[in-house]
Amino acid sequence: MAVAVFQRHDLPMVLPANLHALDADALRQLLIAQDRELTWRQTKIDQLTHELSLHKRWRFGVKTERLPAEQAQLFEETVEADLAAMTEELEQLSGKPPAAKGQAKRKPLPPELPRTEIHHEPDSTTCACGCQMKVSVQPS
């Protein structure tokens, strides 16, 4: 890639009041110089934009991870071994029906432990509207 080296062109400052004093030839020369400066700046902007995009692509671009041939072969061998083991396990399981899972049950407390019944009664069994509330019994 050939990279062109650009040098900045410094133009003399021309004020609008001085433009009227210049003749046509001097105005043409000024216009040509300003056009060169504008072309140089736009080329420099394009060059820096291209360089920035290359750096971004290098820094943030997609990176492919490649395995060496020997490592890929080892991976294929382990996949084949895993598939064979899974096939064998499926064949063993297909002969037996799956065991039905029931709810886990707590073991009952031993009968020698003392039992105490505690009844919790509300202070009032009358509702705010004056109706009688029903108290249900739920043994635990």
Protein backbone atom coordinates (compact mmCIF):
# COMPACT_ATOMS: atom_id res chain seq x y z
CA MET A 1 0.00 0.00 0.00
CA ALA A 2 1.50 3.29 -1.06
CA VAL A 3 0.97 6.10 1.40
CA ALA A 4 1.23 9.63 0.12
CA VAL A 5 2.82 12.14 2.43
CA PHE A 6 1.01 15.42 2.48
CA GLN A 7 2.35 18.73 3.66
CA ARG A 8 0.15 21.42 5.01
CA HIS A 9 -0.18 24.52 2.88
CA ASP A 10 -0.31 27.65 4.99
CA LEU A 11 -2.35 30.32 3.28
CA PRO A 12 -2.03 34.00 4.04
CA MET A 13 -4.99 35.42 5.90
CA VAL A 14 -7.07 37.47 3.49
CA LEU A 15 -9.72 39.66 5.06
CA PRO A 16 -12.91 40.50 3.13
CA ALA A 17 -11.89 44.18 3.04
CA ASN A 18 -8.61 43.22 1.29
CA LEU A 19 -10.44 41.19 -1.39
CA HIS A 20 -11.73 44.35 -3.08
CA ALA A 21 -8.19 45.65 -3.40
CA LEU A 22 -6.98 42.54 -5.28
CA ASP A 23 -7.08 42.35 -9.04
CA ALA A 24 -8.61 39.41 -10.98
CA ASP A 25 -5.30 37.55 -11.39
CA ALA A 26 -4.56 37.72 -7.64
CA LEU A 27 -8.10 36.52 -6.86
CA ARG A 28 -7.61 33.54 -9.21
CA GLN A 29 -4.31 32.70 -7.49
CA LEU A 30 -6.00 32.91 -4.08
CA LEU A 31 -8.86 30.71 -5.28
CA ILE A 32 -6.43 28.10 -6.65
CA ALA A 33 -4.45 28.11 -3.39
CA GLN A 34 -7.61 27.72 -1.32
CA ASP A 35 -8.78 24.90 -3.60
CA ARG A 36 -5.42 23.11 -3.09
CA GLU A 37 -5.75 23.57 0.69
CA LEU A 38 -9.30 22.19 0.63
CA THR A 39 -8.23 19.21 -1.49
CA TRP A 40 -5.29 18.50 0.83
CA ARG A 41 -7.51 18.65 3.94
CA GLN A 42 -10.16 16.38 2.42
CA THR A 43 -7.49 13.88 1.35
CA LYS A 44 -6.00 13.93 4.85
CA ILE A 45 -9.47 13.37 6.38
CA ASP A 46 -10.09 10.44 4.02
CA GLN A 47 -6.68 8.95 4.83
CA LEU A 48 -7.24 9.22 8.61
CA THR A 49 -10.78 7.82 8.31
CA HIS A 50 -9.48 4.82 6.38
CA GLU A 51 -6.68 4.27 8.89
CA LEU A 52 -9.16 4.51 11.78
CA SER A 53 -11.47 1.96 10.16
CA LEU A 54 -8.53 -0.44 9.69
CA HIS A 55 -7.56 -0.08 13.35
CA LYS A 56 -11.15 -0.61 14.47
CA ARG A 57 -11.45 -3.73 12.33
CA TRP A 58 -8.17 -5.04 13.73
CA ARG A 59 -9.14 -4.25 17.35
CA PHE A 60 -12.85 -5.06 17.40
CA GLY A 61 -13.31 -7.27 14.34
CA VAL A 62 -14.43 -10.88 14.31
CA LYS A 63 -11.74 -13.23 15.48
CA THR A 64 -11.94 -16.85 14.43
CA GLU A 65 -10.53 -19.44 16.74
CA ARG A 66 -8.97 -22.23 14.78
CA LEU A 67 -7.99 -25.56 16.23
CA PRO A 68 -4.91 -27.40 15.06
CA ALA A 69 -5.67 -30.60 13.14
CA GLU A 70 -4.54 -32.89 15.99
CA GLN A 71 -6.72 -31.09 18.52
CA ALA A 72 -9.75 -31.22 16.22
CA GLN A 73 -9.20 -34.96 15.76
CA LEU A 74 -9.14 -35.46 19.56
CA PHE A 75 -12.41 -33.55 19.82
CA GLU A 76 -14.03 -35.78 17.18
CA GLU A 77 -12.87 -38.91 19.03
CA THR A 78 -14.40 -37.72 22.30
CA VAL A 79 -17.67 -36.86 20.56
CA GLU A 80 -17.85 -40.35 19.05
CA ALA A 81 -17.12 -41.94 22.43
CA ASP A 82 -19.81 -39.81 24.09
CA LEU A 83 -22.35 -40.74 21.41
CA ALA A 84 -21.59 -44.44 21.85
CA ALA A 85 -21.99 -44.18 25.64
CA MET A 86 -25.29 -42.31 25.31
CA THR A 87 -26.63 -44.87 22.81
CA GLU A 88 -25.75 -47.71 25.17
CA GLU A 89 -27.38 -45.93 28.11
CA LEU A 90 -30.55 -45.30 26.09
CA GLU A 91 -30.75 -48.98 25.15
CA GLN A 92 -30.47 -49.98 28.81
CA LEU A 93 -33.15 -47.51 29.87
CA SER A 94 -35.58 -48.34 27.08
CA GLY A 95 -36.18 -51.85 28.51
CA LYS A 96 -37.33 -50.53 31.90
CA PRO A 97 -40.31 -48.21 32.33
CA PRO A 98 -39.42 -45.01 34.10
CA ALA A 99 -40.14 -45.10 37.81
CA ALA A 100 -43.07 -42.93 38.83
CA LYS A 101 -42.05 -40.30 41.30
CA GLY A 102 -44.46 -39.82 44.13
CA GLN A 103 -44.57 -37.08 46.69
CA ALA A 104 -41.95 -37.27 49.34
CA LYS A 105 -43.54 -38.41 52.59
CA ARG A 106 -42.40 -37.60 56.06
CA LYS A 107 -41.80 -40.43 58.42
CA PRO A 108 -44.36 -40.47 61.23
CA LEU A 109 -43.21 -39.43 64.67
CA PRO A 110 -42.50 -42.31 67.03
CA PRO A 111 -45.46 -43.18 69.31
CA GLU A 112 -43.40 -42.81 72.49
CA LEU A 113 -43.05 -39.05 72.03
CA PRO A 114 -45.51 -37.07 74.14
CA ARG A 115 -48.33 -35.38 72.32
CA THR A 116 -49.91 -32.11 73.35
CA GLU A 117 -53.01 -30.75 71.69
CA ILE A 118 -53.29 -26.97 71.61
CA HIS A 119 -56.54 -25.36 70.49
CA HIS A 120 -56.39 -21.78 69.23
CA GLU A 121 -59.72 -20.07 69.59
CA PRO A 122 -60.47 -16.58 68.29
CA ASP A 123 -61.50 -13.87 70.73
CA SER A 124 -64.80 -13.44 68.96
CA THR A 125 -66.70 -15.65 66.51
CA THR A 126 -68.96 -12.82 65.38
CA CYS A 127 -68.26 -11.05 62.10
CA ALA A 128 -68.31 -7.23 61.78
CA CYS A 129 -71.68 -7.49 60.01
CA GLY A 130 -73.13 -9.51 62.92
CA CYS A 131 -73.03 -12.98 61.31
CA GLN A 132 -71.68 -16.01 63.10
CA MET A 133 -68.25 -17.15 61.77
CA LYS A 134 -67.54 -20.82 61.28
CA VAL A 135 -64.38 -22.17 62.86
CA SER A 136 -62.94 -25.14 61.01
CA VAL A 137 -60.66 -27.76 62.49
CA GLN A 138 -57.50 -28.67 60.62
CA PRO A 139 -55.29 -31.11 62.48
CA SER A 140 -51.61 -30.86 61.75
